[in-house]
N, C-alpha and C. Protein backbone atom coordinates (compact mmCIF):
# COMPACT_ATOMS: atom_id res chain seq x y z
N VAL A 1 83.21 108.06 123.44
CA VAL A 1 82.09 108.00 122.52
C VAL A 1 82.57 108.27 121.10
N VAL A 2 83.52 109.17 120.95
CA VAL A 2 84.02 109.51 119.61
C VAL A 2 84.70 108.31 118.97
N SER A 3 85.39 107.49 119.75
CA SER A 3 86.10 106.36 119.18
C SER A 3 85.16 105.27 118.69
N ALA A 4 83.88 105.37 118.98
CA ALA A 4 82.92 104.41 118.43
C ALA A 4 82.73 104.65 116.94
N PHE A 5 83.04 105.84 116.47
CA PHE A 5 82.81 106.18 115.07
C PHE A 5 84.07 106.56 114.31
N LEU A 6 85.17 106.75 115.00
CA LEU A 6 86.45 107.08 114.38
C LEU A 6 87.50 106.09 114.85
N ASN A 7 88.61 106.05 114.13
CA ASN A 7 89.72 105.18 114.51
C ASN A 7 90.29 105.64 115.86
N ASN A 8 90.75 104.69 116.66
CA ASN A 8 91.23 104.99 118.01
C ASN A 8 92.46 105.88 118.04
N THR A 9 93.39 105.68 117.11
CA THR A 9 94.66 106.42 117.15
C THR A 9 94.48 107.93 117.02
N PRO A 10 93.71 108.42 116.02
CA PRO A 10 93.54 109.87 115.97
C PRO A 10 92.73 110.43 117.14
N VAL A 11 91.81 109.65 117.66
CA VAL A 11 91.03 110.10 118.82
C VAL A 11 91.95 110.31 120.01
N VAL A 12 92.83 109.35 120.26
CA VAL A 12 93.78 109.48 121.38
C VAL A 12 94.74 110.64 121.12
N ALA A 13 95.21 110.80 119.88
CA ALA A 13 96.13 111.89 119.56
C ALA A 13 95.50 113.26 119.82
N VAL A 14 94.23 113.40 119.51
CA VAL A 14 93.53 114.67 119.75
C VAL A 14 93.28 114.88 121.24
N MET A 15 92.99 113.80 121.95
CA MET A 15 92.63 113.93 123.36
C MET A 15 93.83 114.08 124.30
N ILE A 16 95.03 113.72 123.88
CA ILE A 16 96.21 113.78 124.76
C ILE A 16 96.42 115.18 125.33
N PRO A 17 96.47 116.25 124.51
CA PRO A 17 96.69 117.57 125.12
C PRO A 17 95.54 118.00 126.04
N ILE A 18 94.33 117.62 125.69
CA ILE A 18 93.18 117.98 126.52
C ILE A 18 93.26 117.29 127.88
N VAL A 19 93.59 116.01 127.87
CA VAL A 19 93.68 115.24 129.11
C VAL A 19 94.88 115.71 129.94
N GLN A 20 95.98 116.05 129.29
CA GLN A 20 97.14 116.56 130.03
C GLN A 20 96.81 117.88 130.72
N ARG A 21 96.12 118.77 130.03
CA ARG A 21 95.72 120.05 130.64
C ARG A 21 94.77 119.82 131.81
N TRP A 22 93.86 118.88 131.63
CA TRP A 22 92.92 118.55 132.71
C TRP A 22 93.65 118.02 133.93
N ALA A 23 94.64 117.14 133.69
CA ALA A 23 95.42 116.58 134.80
C ALA A 23 96.18 117.68 135.54
N GLU A 24 96.73 118.64 134.80
CA GLU A 24 97.42 119.76 135.45
C GLU A 24 96.45 120.59 136.30
N ASN A 25 95.24 120.79 135.78
CA ASN A 25 94.26 121.61 136.51
C ASN A 25 93.79 120.96 137.81
N ILE A 26 93.75 119.63 137.84
CA ILE A 26 93.29 118.96 139.06
C ILE A 26 94.46 118.42 139.89
N HIS A 27 95.68 118.79 139.47
CA HIS A 27 96.90 118.49 140.23
C HIS A 27 97.14 117.00 140.43
N ILE A 28 97.06 116.25 139.34
CA ILE A 28 97.47 114.84 139.38
C ILE A 28 98.52 114.62 138.29
N PRO A 29 99.38 113.62 138.44
CA PRO A 29 100.41 113.38 137.41
C PRO A 29 99.77 113.05 136.06
N LYS A 30 100.36 113.57 135.00
CA LYS A 30 99.84 113.32 133.65
C LYS A 30 99.87 111.83 133.31
N GLU A 31 100.90 111.16 133.79
CA GLU A 31 101.05 109.73 133.49
C GLU A 31 99.88 108.91 134.03
N GLN A 32 99.24 109.42 135.04
CA GLN A 32 98.15 108.69 135.69
C GLN A 32 96.88 108.65 134.84
N VAL A 33 96.77 109.53 133.86
CA VAL A 33 95.55 109.58 133.05
C VAL A 33 95.74 109.08 131.63
N MET A 34 96.97 108.74 131.23
CA MET A 34 97.22 108.31 129.86
C MET A 34 96.68 106.90 129.57
N ILE A 35 96.92 105.96 130.45
CA ILE A 35 96.42 104.60 130.24
C ILE A 35 94.89 104.57 130.28
N PRO A 36 94.23 105.24 131.23
CA PRO A 36 92.76 105.28 131.18
C PRO A 36 92.23 105.89 129.88
N LEU A 37 92.94 106.87 129.32
CA LEU A 37 92.54 107.45 128.04
C LEU A 37 92.59 106.39 126.95
N SER A 38 93.64 105.62 126.92
CA SER A 38 93.77 104.55 125.93
C SER A 38 92.69 103.50 126.10
N PHE A 39 92.47 103.08 127.33
CA PHE A 39 91.43 102.07 127.60
C PHE A 39 90.05 102.57 127.21
N ALA A 40 89.76 103.84 127.49
CA ALA A 40 88.46 104.41 127.13
C ALA A 40 88.28 104.42 125.62
N SER A 41 89.35 104.69 124.90
CA SER A 41 89.29 104.68 123.44
C SER A 41 89.01 103.28 122.91
N ILE A 42 89.68 102.29 123.49
CA ILE A 42 89.45 100.90 123.08
C ILE A 42 88.02 100.48 123.39
N LEU A 43 87.53 100.82 124.56
CA LEU A 43 86.16 100.48 124.93
C LEU A 43 85.15 101.13 123.99
N GLY A 44 85.36 102.38 123.65
CA GLY A 44 84.48 103.06 122.72
C GLY A 44 84.47 102.40 121.35
N GLY A 45 85.62 101.91 120.92
CA GLY A 45 85.72 101.25 119.61
C GLY A 45 84.98 99.94 119.55
N THR A 46 84.80 99.29 120.68
CA THR A 46 84.11 97.99 120.67
C THR A 46 82.60 98.13 120.78
N CYS A 47 82.10 99.35 120.93
CA CYS A 47 80.66 99.56 121.11
C CYS A 47 79.86 99.44 119.82
N THR A 48 80.48 99.70 118.68
CA THR A 48 79.77 99.67 117.40
C THR A 48 80.51 98.79 116.41
N LEU A 49 79.83 98.42 115.35
CA LEU A 49 80.47 97.60 114.31
C LEU A 49 81.56 98.36 113.58
N ILE A 50 81.40 99.66 113.41
CA ILE A 50 82.39 100.43 112.66
C ILE A 50 83.50 100.96 113.55
N GLY A 51 83.44 100.70 114.84
CA GLY A 51 84.44 101.20 115.77
C GLY A 51 85.81 100.59 115.56
N THR A 52 85.87 99.32 115.25
CA THR A 52 87.15 98.66 114.96
C THR A 52 86.96 97.72 113.79
N SER A 53 88.02 97.48 113.06
CA SER A 53 87.93 96.58 111.91
C SER A 53 87.68 95.15 112.36
N THR A 54 88.12 94.80 113.55
CA THR A 54 87.90 93.45 114.07
C THR A 54 86.41 93.14 114.19
N ASN A 55 85.63 94.13 114.60
CA ASN A 55 84.18 93.93 114.71
C ASN A 55 83.57 93.60 113.36
N LEU A 56 84.04 94.25 112.29
CA LEU A 56 83.52 93.97 110.95
C LEU A 56 83.91 92.56 110.49
N VAL A 57 85.13 92.14 110.81
CA VAL A 57 85.58 90.80 110.44
C VAL A 57 84.72 89.75 111.15
N VAL A 58 84.49 89.94 112.44
CA VAL A 58 83.68 88.99 113.21
C VAL A 58 82.25 88.96 112.69
N LEU A 59 81.69 90.11 112.31
CA LEU A 59 80.34 90.14 111.75
C LEU A 59 80.29 89.34 110.46
N GLY A 60 81.28 89.51 109.59
CA GLY A 60 81.32 88.74 108.35
C GLY A 60 81.43 87.24 108.60
N MET A 61 82.26 86.86 109.56
CA MET A 61 82.39 85.44 109.89
C MET A 61 81.09 84.90 110.48
N LEU A 62 80.42 85.70 111.30
CA LEU A 62 79.16 85.26 111.89
C LEU A 62 78.09 85.08 110.83
N LYS A 63 78.06 85.97 109.84
CA LYS A 63 77.09 85.84 108.75
C LYS A 63 77.36 84.59 107.93
N ASP A 64 78.64 84.29 107.68
CA ASP A 64 78.99 83.06 106.97
C ASP A 64 78.60 81.83 107.77
N TRP A 65 78.79 81.90 109.06
CA TRP A 65 78.55 80.77 109.95
C TRP A 65 77.06 80.53 110.18
N ARG A 66 76.29 81.59 110.37
CA ARG A 66 74.87 81.47 110.69
C ARG A 66 73.97 81.69 109.49
N GLY A 67 74.50 82.18 108.39
CA GLY A 67 73.67 82.55 107.26
C GLY A 67 73.42 84.06 107.31
N ALA A 68 73.12 84.64 106.18
CA ALA A 68 72.96 86.09 106.09
C ALA A 68 71.80 86.61 106.93
N ASP A 69 70.76 85.78 107.10
CA ASP A 69 69.60 86.25 107.86
C ASP A 69 69.66 85.86 109.34
N GLY A 70 70.75 85.23 109.78
CA GLY A 70 70.91 84.89 111.20
C GLY A 70 70.35 83.54 111.58
N THR A 71 69.86 82.79 110.62
CA THR A 71 69.34 81.46 110.91
C THR A 71 70.18 80.43 110.18
N SER A 72 70.13 79.24 110.67
CA SER A 72 70.89 78.16 110.04
C SER A 72 70.12 76.85 110.21
N GLU A 73 70.17 76.02 109.18
CA GLU A 73 69.47 74.74 109.21
C GLU A 73 70.20 73.74 110.12
N THR A 74 71.51 73.81 110.15
CA THR A 74 72.29 72.83 110.91
C THR A 74 72.61 73.37 112.30
N LYS A 75 72.78 72.44 113.25
CA LYS A 75 73.13 72.83 114.61
C LYS A 75 74.63 73.08 114.66
N GLN A 76 74.99 74.30 115.03
CA GLN A 76 76.40 74.66 115.13
C GLN A 76 76.65 75.28 116.51
N THR A 77 77.83 75.04 117.02
CA THR A 77 78.17 75.65 118.29
C THR A 77 79.37 76.57 118.09
N MET A 78 79.43 77.58 118.90
CA MET A 78 80.55 78.51 118.84
C MET A 78 81.40 78.31 120.08
N GLY A 79 82.69 78.26 119.89
CA GLY A 79 83.58 78.09 121.03
C GLY A 79 84.88 78.84 120.80
N LEU A 80 85.70 78.87 121.82
CA LEU A 80 86.98 79.56 121.71
C LEU A 80 88.05 78.70 121.04
N PHE A 81 87.94 77.38 121.18
CA PHE A 81 88.97 76.51 120.64
C PHE A 81 88.36 75.48 119.75
């Protein structure tokens, strides 16, 4: 949840010692919880517009493409390629 409002790197840096201590307390290898920590941070960042800079770029492109108010006179389609 924190990574939705802050950059992912400092969130992961702060959470590493906490997650390592938690892993020791429940007797699982520390390595087993590091990748899920990273993935959770990435997921949190994609939840809001300010979570990642990519979301802001896509919002700007969408506004240019659809118009500032979300409507467009011309028929346009969005695709991957």
